[in-house]
Protein backbone atom coordinates (compact mmCIF):
# COMPACT_ATOMS: atom_id res chain seq x y z
CA PRO A 1 0.00 0.00 0.00
CA CYS A 2 1.07 3.58 -0.70
CA ASN A 3 2.29 5.43 2.37
CA PRO A 4 0.42 8.78 2.56
CA ASN A 5 3.52 10.37 4.16
CA CYS A 6 5.51 9.71 1.00
CA GLY A 7 5.29 11.89 -2.12
CA VAL A 8 6.79 11.60 -5.60
CA PHE A 9 7.80 14.76 -7.45
CA ILE A 10 9.29 15.22 -10.92
CA THR A 11 11.17 18.44 -11.69
CA MET A 12 12.02 18.88 -15.33
CA ASN A 13 12.28 21.34 -18.16
CA PRO A 14 11.94 19.37 -21.42
CA GLY A 15 12.42 22.35 -23.73
CA TYR A 16 16.00 21.70 -24.91
CA ALA A 17 18.52 19.13 -26.17
CA GLY A 18 19.17 16.02 -24.13
CA ARG A 19 15.70 16.13 -22.50
CA THR A 20 12.76 13.91 -23.46
CA GLU A 21 9.08 14.49 -22.72
CA LEU A 22 7.35 12.28 -20.15
CA PRO A 23 5.15 9.57 -21.73
CA ASP A 24 1.44 10.58 -21.74
CA ASN A 25 0.29 7.65 -19.55
CA LEU A 26 2.79 8.74 -16.85
CA LYS A 27 2.07 12.45 -17.29
CA ALA A 28 -1.64 11.80 -16.62
CA LEU A 29 -0.84 10.44 -13.15
CA PHE A 30 0.95 13.63 -12.02
CA ARG A 31 -0.58 17.01 -11.34
CA PRO A 32 1.30 19.68 -13.36
CA VAL A 33 2.47 22.80 -11.54
CA THR A 34 3.89 25.74 -13.51
CA MET A 35 6.82 27.52 -11.88
CA ILE A 36 7.21 31.26 -12.47
CA VAL A 37 10.42 33.30 -12.41
CA PRO A 38 11.18 34.04 -8.72
CA ASP A 39 11.36 37.55 -7.26
CA PHE A 40 15.15 38.04 -7.27
CA LEU A 41 14.92 41.25 -5.24
CA GLN A 42 13.14 39.60 -2.33
CA ILE A 43 15.41 36.53 -2.36
CA CYS A 44 18.55 38.74 -2.37
CA GLU A 45 17.16 40.84 0.46
CA ILE A 46 16.33 37.84 2.66
CA MET A 47 19.67 36.11 1.99
CA LEU A 48 21.67 39.28 2.67
CA PHE A 49 19.81 39.79 5.98
CA SER A 50 20.50 36.15 6.90
CA GLU A 51 24.22 36.63 6.11
CA GLY A 52 24.34 39.60 8.53
CA PHE A 53 24.08 42.62 6.19
CA GLU A 54 22.26 45.58 7.82
CA THR A 55 21.73 47.59 4.61
CA ALA A 56 20.33 44.57 2.78
CA LYS A 57 17.41 46.49 1.19
CA VAL A 58 19.64 48.95 -0.70
CA LEU A 59 22.30 46.36 -1.59
CA ALA A 60 19.73 43.83 -2.89
CA LYS A 61 18.34 46.51 -5.23
CA LYS A 62 21.82 47.33 -6.57
CA MET A 63 22.66 43.67 -7.06
CA THR A 64 19.50 42.80 -9.00
CA VAL A 65 19.85 45.96 -11.16
CA LEU A 66 23.47 45.00 -11.98
CA TYR A 67 22.44 41.48 -13.08
CA ARG A 68 19.52 42.80 -15.14
CA LEU A 69 21.71 45.39 -16.91
CA SER A 70 24.45 42.78 -17.49
CA GLN A 71 21.93 40.48 -19.15
CA GLU A 72 20.64 43.30 -21.38
CA GLN A 73 23.83 45.17 -22.27
CA LEU A 74 26.69 42.66 -22.39
CA SER A 75 27.30 40.49 -25.46
CA LYS A 76 25.38 37.24 -25.75
CA GLN A 77 27.75 34.38 -24.96
CA TYR A 78 26.87 30.71 -24.47
CA HIS A 79 28.71 30.56 -21.15
CA TYR A 80 27.05 33.61 -19.55
CA ASP A 81 24.44 33.02 -16.85
CA PHE A 82 22.82 35.69 -14.70
CA GLY A 83 20.15 33.50 -13.10
CA MET A 84 19.27 32.32 -9.62
CA ARG A 85 22.26 30.01 -9.12
CA ALA A 86 24.72 32.75 -10.11
CA LEU A 87 23.08 35.13 -7.62
CA LYS A 88 23.12 32.56 -4.83
CA SER A 89 26.83 31.75 -5.20
CA VAL A 90 27.69 35.49 -5.01
CA LEU A 91 25.47 35.94 -1.90
CA VAL A 92 27.14 32.98 -0.12
CA MET A 93 30.57 34.37 -1.06
CA ALA A 94 29.55 37.83 0.23
CA GLY A 95 28.46 36.31 3.57
CA GLY A 96 31.82 34.57 3.97
CA LEU A 97 33.70 37.79 3.13
CA LYS A 98 31.53 39.82 5.56
CA ARG A 99 32.43 37.50 8.43
CA GLN A 100 36.11 37.53 7.43
CA TYR A 101 36.34 41.35 7.13
CA SER A 102 33.76 42.46 9.71
CA ASP A 103 35.14 46.01 9.87
CA MET A 104 34.82 46.60 6.10
CA ARG A 105 31.89 48.61 4.74
CA GLU A 106 29.02 46.39 3.57
CA GLU A 107 28.85 48.17 0.21
CA LEU A 108 32.53 47.43 -0.37
CA VAL A 109 32.13 43.76 0.58
CA LEU A 110 29.31 43.23 -1.93
CA MET A 111 31.02 45.22 -4.69
CA ARG A 112 34.17 43.17 -4.24
CA CYS A 113 32.21 39.89 -4.45
CA LEU A 114 30.24 40.96 -7.52
CA ARG A 115 33.40 42.04 -9.32
CA ASP A 116 35.65 39.12 -8.35
CA SER A 117 33.07 36.39 -9.01
CA ASN A 118 31.87 37.73 -12.38
CA LEU A 119 35.01 39.12 -14.08
CA PRO A 120 36.64 35.71 -14.74
CA LYS A 121 33.85 34.66 -17.13
CA PHE A 122 33.67 37.80 -19.30
CA VAL A 123 35.14 37.92 -22.79
CA PHE A 124 37.77 40.55 -23.62
CA GLU A 125 35.26 43.14 -24.96
CA ASP A 126 32.80 42.88 -22.03
CA VAL A 127 35.27 43.54 -19.21
CA PRO A 128 35.29 47.38 -19.57
CA LEU A 129 31.47 47.41 -19.92
CA PHE A 130 30.96 45.44 -16.70
CA SER A 131 33.55 47.53 -14.87
CA GLY A 132 31.60 50.63 -15.96
CA LEU A 133 28.32 49.19 -14.63
CA ILE A 134 29.93 48.40 -11.26
CA ALA A 135 31.44 51.91 -11.09
CA ASP A 136 28.00 53.48 -11.78
CA LEU A 137 26.20 51.41 -9.13
CA PHE A 138 28.94 51.72 -6.49
CA PRO A 139 30.37 55.22 -7.20
CA GLY A 140 33.69 56.14 -5.63
CA LEU A 141 34.38 52.59 -4.40
CA ASP A 142 37.54 50.80 -5.43
CA CYS A 143 39.03 47.87 -3.61
CA PRO A 144 42.03 45.70 -4.50
CA ARG A 145 41.39 42.03 -5.25
CA VAL A 146 41.58 39.48 -2.44
CA GLY A 147 45.25 38.82 -1.72
CA TYR A 148 46.45 35.20 -2.09
CA GLU A 149 49.92 36.79 -2.39
CA ASP A 150 51.74 33.51 -1.59
CA LEU A 151 49.81 31.60 -4.26
CA LYS A 152 50.31 34.42 -6.77
CA GLN A 153 54.07 34.46 -6.18
CA CYS A 154 54.22 30.66 -6.53
CA CYS A 155 52.36 30.92 -9.89
CA ARG A 156 54.92 33.48 -11.08
CA ASP A 157 57.83 31.33 -9.90
CA ASP A 158 56.42 28.21 -11.58
CA LEU A 159 55.87 29.97 -14.92
CA GLU A 160 59.39 31.46 -14.80
CA ALA A 161 61.00 28.14 -13.85
CA ARG A 162 59.37 26.40 -16.83
CA GLY A 163 60.34 29.19 -19.26
CA PHE A 164 56.89 30.71 -19.77
CA LYS A 165 57.74 34.26 -18.65
CA CYS A 166 57.35 36.59 -21.63
CA SER A 167 58.84 40.03 -22.28
CA SER A 168 55.49 41.80 -21.72
CA GLU A 169 54.87 42.19 -17.98
CA VAL A 170 51.16 42.93 -18.63
CA VAL A 171 50.62 39.63 -20.50
CA PHE A 172 52.53 37.71 -17.83
CA GLU A 173 50.47 39.23 -14.97
CA ASP A 174 47.29 38.49 -16.95
CA GLN A 175 48.19 34.80 -16.99
CA VAL A 176 48.97 34.80 -13.26
CA ASN A 177 45.70 36.63 -12.47
CA LYS A 178 43.74 34.13 -14.56
CA ALA A 179 45.17 31.27 -12.47
CA ILE A 180 44.11 33.11 -9.28
CA GLN A 181 40.62 33.74 -10.75
CA PHE A 182 40.32 30.02 -11.46
CA PHE A 183 41.35 29.24 -7.87
CA GLU A 184 38.74 31.70 -6.52
CA THR A 185 36.02 30.17 -8.70
CA GLN A 186 36.91 26.72 -7.38
CA LEU A 187 36.43 27.95 -3.81
CA VAL A 188 32.72 28.70 -4.43
CA ARG A 189 31.84 26.03 -7.05
CA HIS A 190 32.82 22.35 -7.09
CA THR A 191 32.41 22.19 -10.89
CA THR A 192 34.30 24.74 -12.95
CA MET A 193 34.35 25.23 -16.71
CA ILE A 194 37.46 26.73 -18.25
CA VAL A 195 36.27 28.01 -21.62
CA GLY A 196 38.07 29.63 -24.53
CA PRO A 197 39.40 29.13 -28.07
CA THR A 198 42.50 27.04 -28.74
CA GLY A 199 45.78 28.78 -27.99
CA GLY A 200 44.66 30.74 -24.93
CA GLY A 201 46.70 28.69 -22.44
CA LYS A 202 43.95 26.68 -20.66
CA SER A 203 46.00 23.50 -20.05
CA LEU A 204 49.06 25.51 -18.98
CA LEU A 205 46.90 27.45 -16.51
CA LEU A 206 45.74 24.19 -14.85
CA ASP A 207 49.31 22.87 -14.63
CA THR A 208 50.51 26.17 -13.15
CA LEU A 209 47.82 26.22 -10.46
CA LYS A 210 48.51 22.56 -9.63
CA ASN A 211 52.25 23.25 -9.09
CA ALA A 212 51.64 26.55 -7.27
CA ARG A 213 49.21 25.00 -4.76
CA LEU A 214 51.82 22.43 -3.79
CA ALA A 215 54.42 25.15 -3.20
CA ALA A 216 52.10 27.65 -1.47
CA GLU A 217 49.70 25.48 0.55
CA ASN A 218 51.36 22.05 0.51
CA THR A 219 48.24 20.77 -1.32
CA VAL A 220 48.98 17.83 -3.62
CA VAL A 221 46.73 18.02 -6.70
CA LYS A 222 46.18 14.83 -8.72
CA MET A 223 44.72 15.37 -12.20
CA CYS A 224 42.77 12.74 -14.11
CA VAL A 225 42.19 13.86 -17.71
CA LEU A 226 39.44 12.30 -19.82
CA ASN A 227 37.94 13.08 -23.23
CA PRO A 228 34.20 12.40 -22.76
CA LYS A 229 33.54 12.32 -26.52
CA ALA A 230 36.19 9.66 -27.27
CA GLN A 231 33.83 6.77 -26.45
CA PRO A 232 30.09 6.01 -26.64
CA LEU A 233 27.85 6.91 -23.71
CA HIS A 234 27.56 3.33 -22.38
CA GLU A 235 31.37 3.03 -22.25
CA LEU A 236 31.52 6.30 -20.32
CA TYR A 237 28.90 5.70 -17.62
CA GLY A 238 28.61 1.90 -17.73
CA PHE A 239 26.09 -0.55 -19.20
CA MET A 240 23.39 -2.73 -17.66
CA ASP A 241 22.48 -5.77 -19.78
CA PRO A 242 18.64 -5.74 -19.99
CA ALA A 243 18.42 -9.55 -20.28
CA THR A 244 20.95 -10.81 -17.70
CA ARG A 245 21.12 -7.67 -15.50
CA ASP A 246 24.91 -7.93 -15.67
CA TRP A 247 26.65 -4.62 -14.95
CA THR A 248 29.71 -3.47 -16.93
CA ASP A 249 31.56 -0.50 -15.46
CA GLY A 250 32.25 2.53 -17.67
CA ILE A 251 35.49 4.52 -17.79
CA LEU A 252 34.05 7.54 -15.99
CA SER A 253 32.08 5.53 -13.42
CA LYS A 254 35.25 3.61 -12.46
CA ILE A 255 37.39 6.77 -12.24
CA PHE A 256 34.66 8.64 -10.33
CA ARG A 257 34.28 5.82 -7.78
CA GLU A 258 38.03 5.48 -7.21
CA LEU A 259 38.74 9.20 -6.85
CA ASN A 260 35.87 9.75 -4.39
CA GLU A 261 37.01 7.09 -1.95
CA PRO A 262 38.08 8.53 1.44
CA LEU A 263 41.64 9.84 1.58
CA PRO A 264 44.12 7.38 3.16
CA PRO A 265 45.83 8.40 6.45
CA GLY A 266 48.71 10.83 5.88
CA LYS A 267 47.26 12.12 2.60
CA GLU A 268 44.74 14.61 4.02
CA ASN A 269 46.32 17.42 1.98
CA GLU A 270 45.38 15.81 -1.36
CA MET A 271 42.97 17.30 -3.94
CA ARG A 272 41.69 15.32 -6.92
CA TRP A 273 40.60 16.96 -10.18
CA ILE A 274 38.57 15.13 -12.83
CA ILE A 275 39.23 17.08 -16.05
CA TYR A 276 36.89 16.61 -19.02
CA ASP A 277 39.00 17.81 -21.94
CA GLY A 278 36.60 17.83 -24.89
CA ASP A 279 33.31 19.13 -26.22
CA VAL A 280 30.54 19.73 -23.71
CA ASP A 281 27.17 18.72 -25.16
CA ALA A 282 23.80 17.65 -23.78
CA LEU A 283 24.36 13.97 -24.66
CA TRP A 284 26.87 13.24 -21.90
CA VAL A 285 26.78 16.27 -19.61
CA GLU A 286 23.04 16.17 -18.81
CA ASN A 287 23.71 13.03 -16.72
CA MET A 288 26.11 15.15 -14.66
CA ASN A 289 23.53 17.75 -13.58
CA SER A 290 22.90 16.13 -10.19
CA VAL A 291 26.68 16.08 -9.53
CA MET A 292 27.14 19.71 -10.56
CA ASP A 293 24.43 21.14 -8.30
CA ASP A 294 24.20 21.01 -4.50
CA ASN A 295 23.21 17.30 -4.47
CA ARG A 296 26.74 16.27 -5.61
CA LEU A 297 25.45 12.79 -6.55
CA LEU A 298 26.24 10.72 -9.64
CA THR A 299 23.53 8.11 -10.32
CA LEU A 300 24.63 5.23 -12.57
CA PRO A 301 22.32 3.09 -14.78
CA ASN A 302 22.50 0.22 -12.21
CA GLY A 303 21.08 2.45 -9.47
CA GLU A 304 24.42 3.01 -7.71
CA ARG A 305 24.84 6.52 -6.32
CA ILE A 306 28.31 7.99 -5.78
CA ARG A 307 28.75 11.24 -3.85
CA LEU A 308 31.34 13.79 -4.98
CA ALA A 309 33.66 14.07 -1.97
CA ALA A 310 34.96 17.36 -0.54
CA HIS A 311 38.50 16.56 -1.75
CA CYS A 312 37.33 16.02 -5.32
CA CYS A 313 36.17 18.52 -7.95
CA MET A 314 35.31 18.49 -11.65
CA ILE A 315 36.72 20.72 -14.40
CA CYS A 316 35.51 20.97 -18.00
CA GLU A 317 38.10 22.31 -20.44
CA THR A 318 36.33 23.24 -23.66
CA PHE A 319 36.26 25.55 -26.69
CA ASP A 320 32.72 26.85 -26.13
CA LEU A 321 29.38 25.87 -24.60
CA GLN A 322 27.28 26.14 -27.77
CA TYR A 323 25.73 22.69 -27.26
CA ALA A 324 25.39 22.74 -23.47
CA SER A 325 21.94 23.33 -21.99
CA PRO A 326 21.18 26.37 -19.79
CA ALA A 327 20.75 23.96 -16.84
CA THR A 328 24.39 22.87 -17.20
CA VAL A 329 25.76 26.40 -17.66
CA SER A 330 23.99 27.71 -14.56
CA ARG A 331 25.41 24.93 -12.34
CA CYS A 332 29.10 25.62 -13.03
CA GLY A 333 31.62 28.29 -12.24
CA MET A 334 32.95 29.87 -15.44
CA VAL A 335 36.46 31.06 -16.30
CA TRP A 336 37.00 32.49 -19.77
CA VAL A 337 40.55 32.25 -21.12
CA ASP A 338 40.87 34.63 -24.05
CA PRO A 339 43.71 34.17 -26.59
CA LYS A 340 43.57 37.96 -27.13
CA ASN A 341 45.11 38.40 -23.67
CA LEU A 342 47.98 36.01 -24.40
CA GLY A 343 48.63 36.83 -28.06
CA TYR A 344 51.18 34.95 -30.15
CA ARG A 345 54.46 36.67 -29.17
CA PRO A 346 55.06 34.63 -25.94
CA TYR A 347 55.06 31.38 -27.97
CA TYR A 348 57.70 32.74 -30.37
CA GLU A 349 59.84 34.11 -27.52
CA ARG A 350 59.82 30.72 -25.81
CA TRP A 351 60.71 29.00 -29.10
CA ILE A 352 63.76 31.32 -29.41
CA ARG A 353 64.80 30.50 -25.82
CA THR A 354 64.47 26.78 -26.60
CA ARG A 355 66.42 27.06 -29.88
CA CYS A 356 69.15 29.33 -28.49
CA GLY A 357 69.25 28.13 -24.90
CA ASN A 358 67.62 25.79 -22.39
CA GLY A 359 64.06 27.16 -22.70
CA VAL A 360 64.47 29.54 -19.76
CA LEU A 361 67.62 31.53 -20.62
CA ILE A 362 69.43 32.26 -23.89
CA GLU A 363 73.09 31.14 -24.03
CA GLU A 364 75.59 33.95 -24.56
CA GLU A 365 77.12 32.52 -27.75
CA CYS A 366 73.62 32.32 -29.31
CA GLN A 367 72.52 35.84 -28.32
CA ALA A 368 73.26 37.29 -31.79
CA GLU A 369 71.11 34.62 -33.50
CA ALA A 370 68.28 35.23 -30.99
CA ASP A 371 68.39 39.00 -31.62
CA ASN A 372 68.37 38.45 -35.39
CA LEU A 373 65.34 36.08 -35.20
CA THR A 374 63.50 38.61 -32.98
CA SER A 375 64.14 41.52 -35.37
CA LEU A 376 62.96 39.43 -38.36
CA PHE A 377 59.81 38.49 -36.42
CA ASN A 378 59.10 42.17 -35.66
CA LYS A 379 59.67 43.08 -39.30
CA TYR A 380 57.38 40.50 -40.92
CA VAL A 381 55.05 38.62 -38.60
CA PRO A 382 52.75 41.15 -36.81
CA LYS A 383 51.99 43.04 -40.06
CA SER A 384 51.44 39.78 -41.97
CA ILE A 385 49.00 38.43 -39.35
CA ASP A 386 47.09 41.75 -39.31
CA LEU A 387 46.73 41.59 -43.10
CA ILE A 388 45.67 37.92 -43.22
CA LEU A 389 43.19 37.92 -40.31
CA THR A 390 41.79 41.48 -40.33
CA GLY A 391 42.87 43.07 -43.63
CA VAL A 392 44.66 45.94 -41.82
CA VAL A 393 47.61 47.50 -43.72
CA ASP A 394 49.43 50.48 -42.11
CA GLY A 395 46.43 51.18 -39.87
CA GLU A 396 43.94 51.22 -42.77
CA MET A 397 41.14 48.66 -42.93
CA GLY A 398 41.01 46.54 -46.07
CA GLN A 399 39.69 43.14 -47.09
CA LYS A 400 41.08 40.19 -45.15
CA LEU A 401 42.70 37.39 -47.12
CA GLN A 402 40.90 34.14 -47.87
CA GLN A 403 42.11 31.00 -46.06
CA VAL A 404 41.27 27.45 -47.14
CA ILE A 405 40.48 26.66 -43.48
CA PRO A 406 40.43 29.22 -40.63
CA ILE A 407 43.73 29.30 -38.70
CA THR A 408 44.35 31.38 -35.56
CA ASN A 409 47.31 33.73 -35.15
CA ILE A 410 49.09 31.48 -32.62
CA ASP A 411 48.75 28.48 -34.97
CA MET A 412 50.38 30.49 -37.77
CA VAL A 413 53.30 31.31 -35.46
CA LYS A 414 53.55 27.61 -34.45
CA GLN A 415 53.77 26.68 -38.14
CA LEU A 416 56.43 29.33 -38.68
CA CYS A 417 58.54 27.93 -35.80
CA SER A 418 58.19 24.38 -37.17
CA LEU A 419 59.31 25.49 -40.65
CA LEU A 420 62.26 27.41 -39.20
CA ASP A 421 63.28 24.28 -37.25
CA ALA A 422 63.02 22.21 -40.44
CA PHE A 423 64.74 24.53 -42.94
CA MET A 424 67.03 26.91 -41.03
CA ASP A 425 70.12 25.01 -39.92
CA LYS A 426 72.28 26.38 -37.12
CA ASP A 427 75.26 26.62 -39.48
CA ILE A 428 73.61 29.31 -41.67
CA THR A 429 75.41 32.44 -40.46
CA ASP A 430 75.12 34.92 -43.35
CA ASN A 431 72.40 37.50 -42.54
CA MET A 432 71.23 37.64 -46.18
CA ASP A 433 70.76 33.84 -46.22
CA ILE A 434 68.95 33.91 -42.87
CA GLU A 435 66.48 36.58 -44.00
CA ALA A 436 65.86 34.86 -47.35
CA MET A 437 65.19 31.55 -45.57
CA TYR A 438 62.93 33.39 -43.09
CA VAL A 439 60.89 34.82 -45.98
CA TYR A 440 60.60 31.33 -47.52
CA CYS A 441 59.33 29.92 -44.19
CA ILE A 442 56.86 32.81 -43.80
CA MET A 443 55.38 32.15 -47.25
CA TRP A 444 54.61 28.52 -46.35
CA SER A 445 53.52 29.08 -42.71
CA LEU A 446 51.56 32.33 -42.56
CA GLY A 447 50.72 32.19 -46.28
CA GLY A 448 50.54 28.41 -46.74
CA GLN A 449 46.76 28.19 -46.26
CA LEU A 450 45.88 31.16 -48.50
CA VAL A 451 44.00 30.48 -51.74
CA GLY A 452 43.65 32.10 -55.19
CA GLN A 453 44.22 35.85 -55.43
CA SER A 454 45.02 36.05 -51.70
CA ARG A 455 48.39 34.41 -52.45
CA VAL A 456 49.19 37.10 -55.02
CA LYS A 457 48.25 39.90 -52.57
CA TYR A 458 50.33 38.37 -49.79
CA ASP A 459 53.26 37.87 -52.17
CA ASP A 460 53.20 41.61 -53.07
CA PHE A 461 52.89 42.54 -49.38
CA VAL A 462 55.95 40.47 -48.33
CA LYS A 463 58.04 41.92 -51.17
CA LYS A 464 57.23 45.46 -49.97
CA LEU A 465 58.21 44.53 -46.39
CA ALA A 466 61.43 42.78 -47.43
CA ARG A 467 63.14 45.62 -49.35
CA GLU A 468 65.63 42.91 -50.39
CA ALA A 469 66.44 41.38 -53.78
CA LEU A 470 63.54 38.91 -54.19
CA PRO A 471 62.62 37.17 -57.49
CA ASP A 472 60.08 38.89 -59.77
CA GLY A 473 57.71 35.93 -59.99
CA LEU A 474 55.41 34.53 -57.31
CA LEU A 475 57.49 33.53 -54.26
CA TYR A 476 55.43 30.35 -53.95
CA ASP A 477 57.10 29.13 -57.18
CA TYR A 478 60.63 29.53 -55.73
CA PHE A 479 62.81 28.07 -52.99
CA TYR A 480 65.98 29.54 -51.50
CA ASP A 481 69.16 27.63 -52.29
CA VAL A 482 71.52 28.34 -49.36
CA GLU A 483 74.60 26.84 -51.06
CA ALA A 484 74.16 28.94 -54.21
CA HIS A 485 72.91 31.97 -52.17
CA LYS A 486 70.04 32.58 -54.57
CA TRP A 487 66.33 31.95 -55.21
CA THR A 488 65.70 29.06 -57.60
CA LYS A 489 62.50 28.01 -59.38
CA TRP A 490 60.91 24.71 -58.32
CA GLN A 491 60.63 23.95 -62.03
CA THR A 492 64.38 23.22 -62.12
CA ARG A 493 63.87 20.42 -59.57
CA VAL A 494 61.24 18.50 -61.57
CA ILE A 495 62.71 15.13 -62.59
CA PRO A 496 61.87 13.54 -65.98
CA TYR A 497 58.95 11.07 -66.07
CA GLU A 498 59.94 7.42 -65.62
CA GLU A 499 57.59 4.63 -66.63
CA PRO A 500 56.91 2.19 -63.73
CA SER A 501 58.27 -1.30 -64.30
CA PRO A 502 56.32 -3.56 -64.59
CA PHE A 503 53.82 -1.07 -66.05
CA ARG A 504 50.70 -0.59 -63.95
CA PHE A 505 48.38 2.26 -64.86
CA TYR A 506 47.52 3.17 -61.25
CA GLU A 507 51.24 3.56 -60.45
CA VAL A 508 51.84 6.17 -63.16
CA MET A 509 52.88 9.51 -61.64
CA VAL A 510 54.07 12.39 -63.79
CA PRO A 511 56.21 14.74 -61.66
CA THR A 512 55.02 18.38 -61.68
CA THR A 513 56.21 21.56 -59.96
CA ASP A 514 53.50 21.19 -57.30
CA SER A 515 54.19 17.52 -56.57
CA VAL A 516 57.93 18.21 -56.11
CA LEU A 517 57.24 21.24 -53.90
CA TYR A 518 54.72 19.51 -51.61
CA ALA A 519 56.80 16.32 -51.41
CA HIS A 520 59.77 18.44 -50.25
CA LEU A 521 57.67 20.24 -47.58
CA LEU A 522 56.25 16.91 -46.41
CA ALA A 523 59.68 15.26 -46.16
CA LYS A 524 61.04 18.16 -44.08
CA LEU A 525 58.03 18.70 -41.79
CA ALA A 526 56.66 15.18 -41.23
CA PRO A 527 59.36 14.19 -38.68
CA LEU A 528 58.58 17.33 -36.61
CA ARG A 529 54.78 17.62 -36.39
CA PRO A 530 51.47 16.41 -37.89
CA ILE A 531 50.60 17.83 -41.33
CA LEU A 532 47.21 18.49 -42.91
CA PHE A 533 47.01 18.55 -46.73
CA VAL A 534 43.87 20.44 -47.82
CA GLY A 535 42.75 20.68 -51.43
CA GLU A 536 40.15 19.62 -53.96
CA SER A 537 40.01 16.02 -55.20
CA GLY A 538 42.46 15.23 -57.96
CA THR A 539 45.30 17.42 -56.65
CA ALA A 540 47.53 14.40 -55.83
CA LYS A 541 47.34 14.67 -52.02
CA THR A 542 47.13 10.89 -51.49
CA THR A 543 49.73 10.16 -54.17
CA ILE A 544 52.31 12.53 -52.65
CA ILE A 545 51.80 11.09 -49.16
CA GLN A 546 51.93 7.47 -50.37
CA LYS A 547 55.11 8.17 -52.33
CA TYR A 548 56.70 9.71 -49.22
CA LEU A 549 55.68 6.74 -47.07
CA SER A 550 56.95 4.19 -49.61
CA ASN A 551 60.37 5.90 -49.62
CA LEU A 552 60.71 5.65 -45.83
CA GLN A 553 63.05 2.99 -44.49
CA SER A 554 61.12 0.17 -42.83
């Protein structure tokens, strides 16, 4: 018999991906209740009073106005959330800060919480807008960020020790501050999403914080990295055989169970991070909703429930949250890592330190080479990237060049460094040879993915920058011969056609300028890094690669 003291409730919002409607025969047995948007002002007021704020009425008004204006005026990003959960986490944080700094003005406490908890998630363009809104609502108030000076110094030391300190102090401090922001977000949320395009330094940031926490707090952080999209759902969470009721553990369920076991004696200072490095979409992440919210429970298909322990937290490292549902976004702390803050220069500077030193310092005998490579970079690269990605030439806006696939500025610089490693030997000492080889590498790294007329425009642009004796034709048709100290046409390298013996039609390959050129690039670059050949069908991509592979020694 049904116990009248027991009730069954279903809370759901079936309006978006990953959610299914209840079947009609089940829906008929439940009484539907429509929930309306809660009164944020009243909730803020009550929570602020309960946290010990005396001027809660005024502060609640300011807080709700700030969130409403942020929602209306800031750019629309998938990872932004200004709902109830976001408000609640700020209110809890404000209560903690009020008790910690009881002599500080209440206005200042709330302003500090609103600023420090929201700034980490804003994209580059929205930061000044939000700072303006805060300044308007809390006029004349300015308060430095919460200290964590020891942790900050340890982050700096770790980055310097591993050779990641760049020449720009502003960029370096930005990276350190981002690590501190991530740490602060982790203090208030047990699930954090670190979001941003490739090349912003997300993985490095996690490694830095891990090393810094050991040095500053003696906290040992163990990271378990998993790509949730690398296997089907049943291999991730586990599978229950419907016929035999046999249970097969999934990768995530096994890891989750092991990491959430109580800490052994003597290891009380250990933290465990489960890092999901891959796309976040409704298919796999919806099952995580009960872990991400205050329940902290993972329910597996066999009915087993595993609680997320206090020493364990989850981190999603992803490009964007386009396919995540609003329910997921609202449950997590957000940290946006913008490649615009880092730029591409730090990567190049570290490559020079690695080529001419030990990665941290440049050796004295290689200082001249390092200076030469830096001056060539300043001469060609920033202007080239501006032209290719934005169409800007000498401060004037033009049409950006067409790429066969979109490539970011840091990826172009990575390609340039790989080509310089492949083609520029250490024994090339003549400055004219070095610059000519640098131009050749620039054409096939920054300009390698350009198509059609864009190649002609970029060719003209590089010739104007060079002010050196370059060939009259298209630079793509030439290579630089270091031994002869001159530019030579690829045409001169085309070998005469040889008939395959025994004759098979599918083995016939007539050498052309393009096939010789791309085979040469492939042979030089393949040992260093992966290569992607992009082009229409019939342009001999497969043939060139197969020929290269067949010539390799077994």
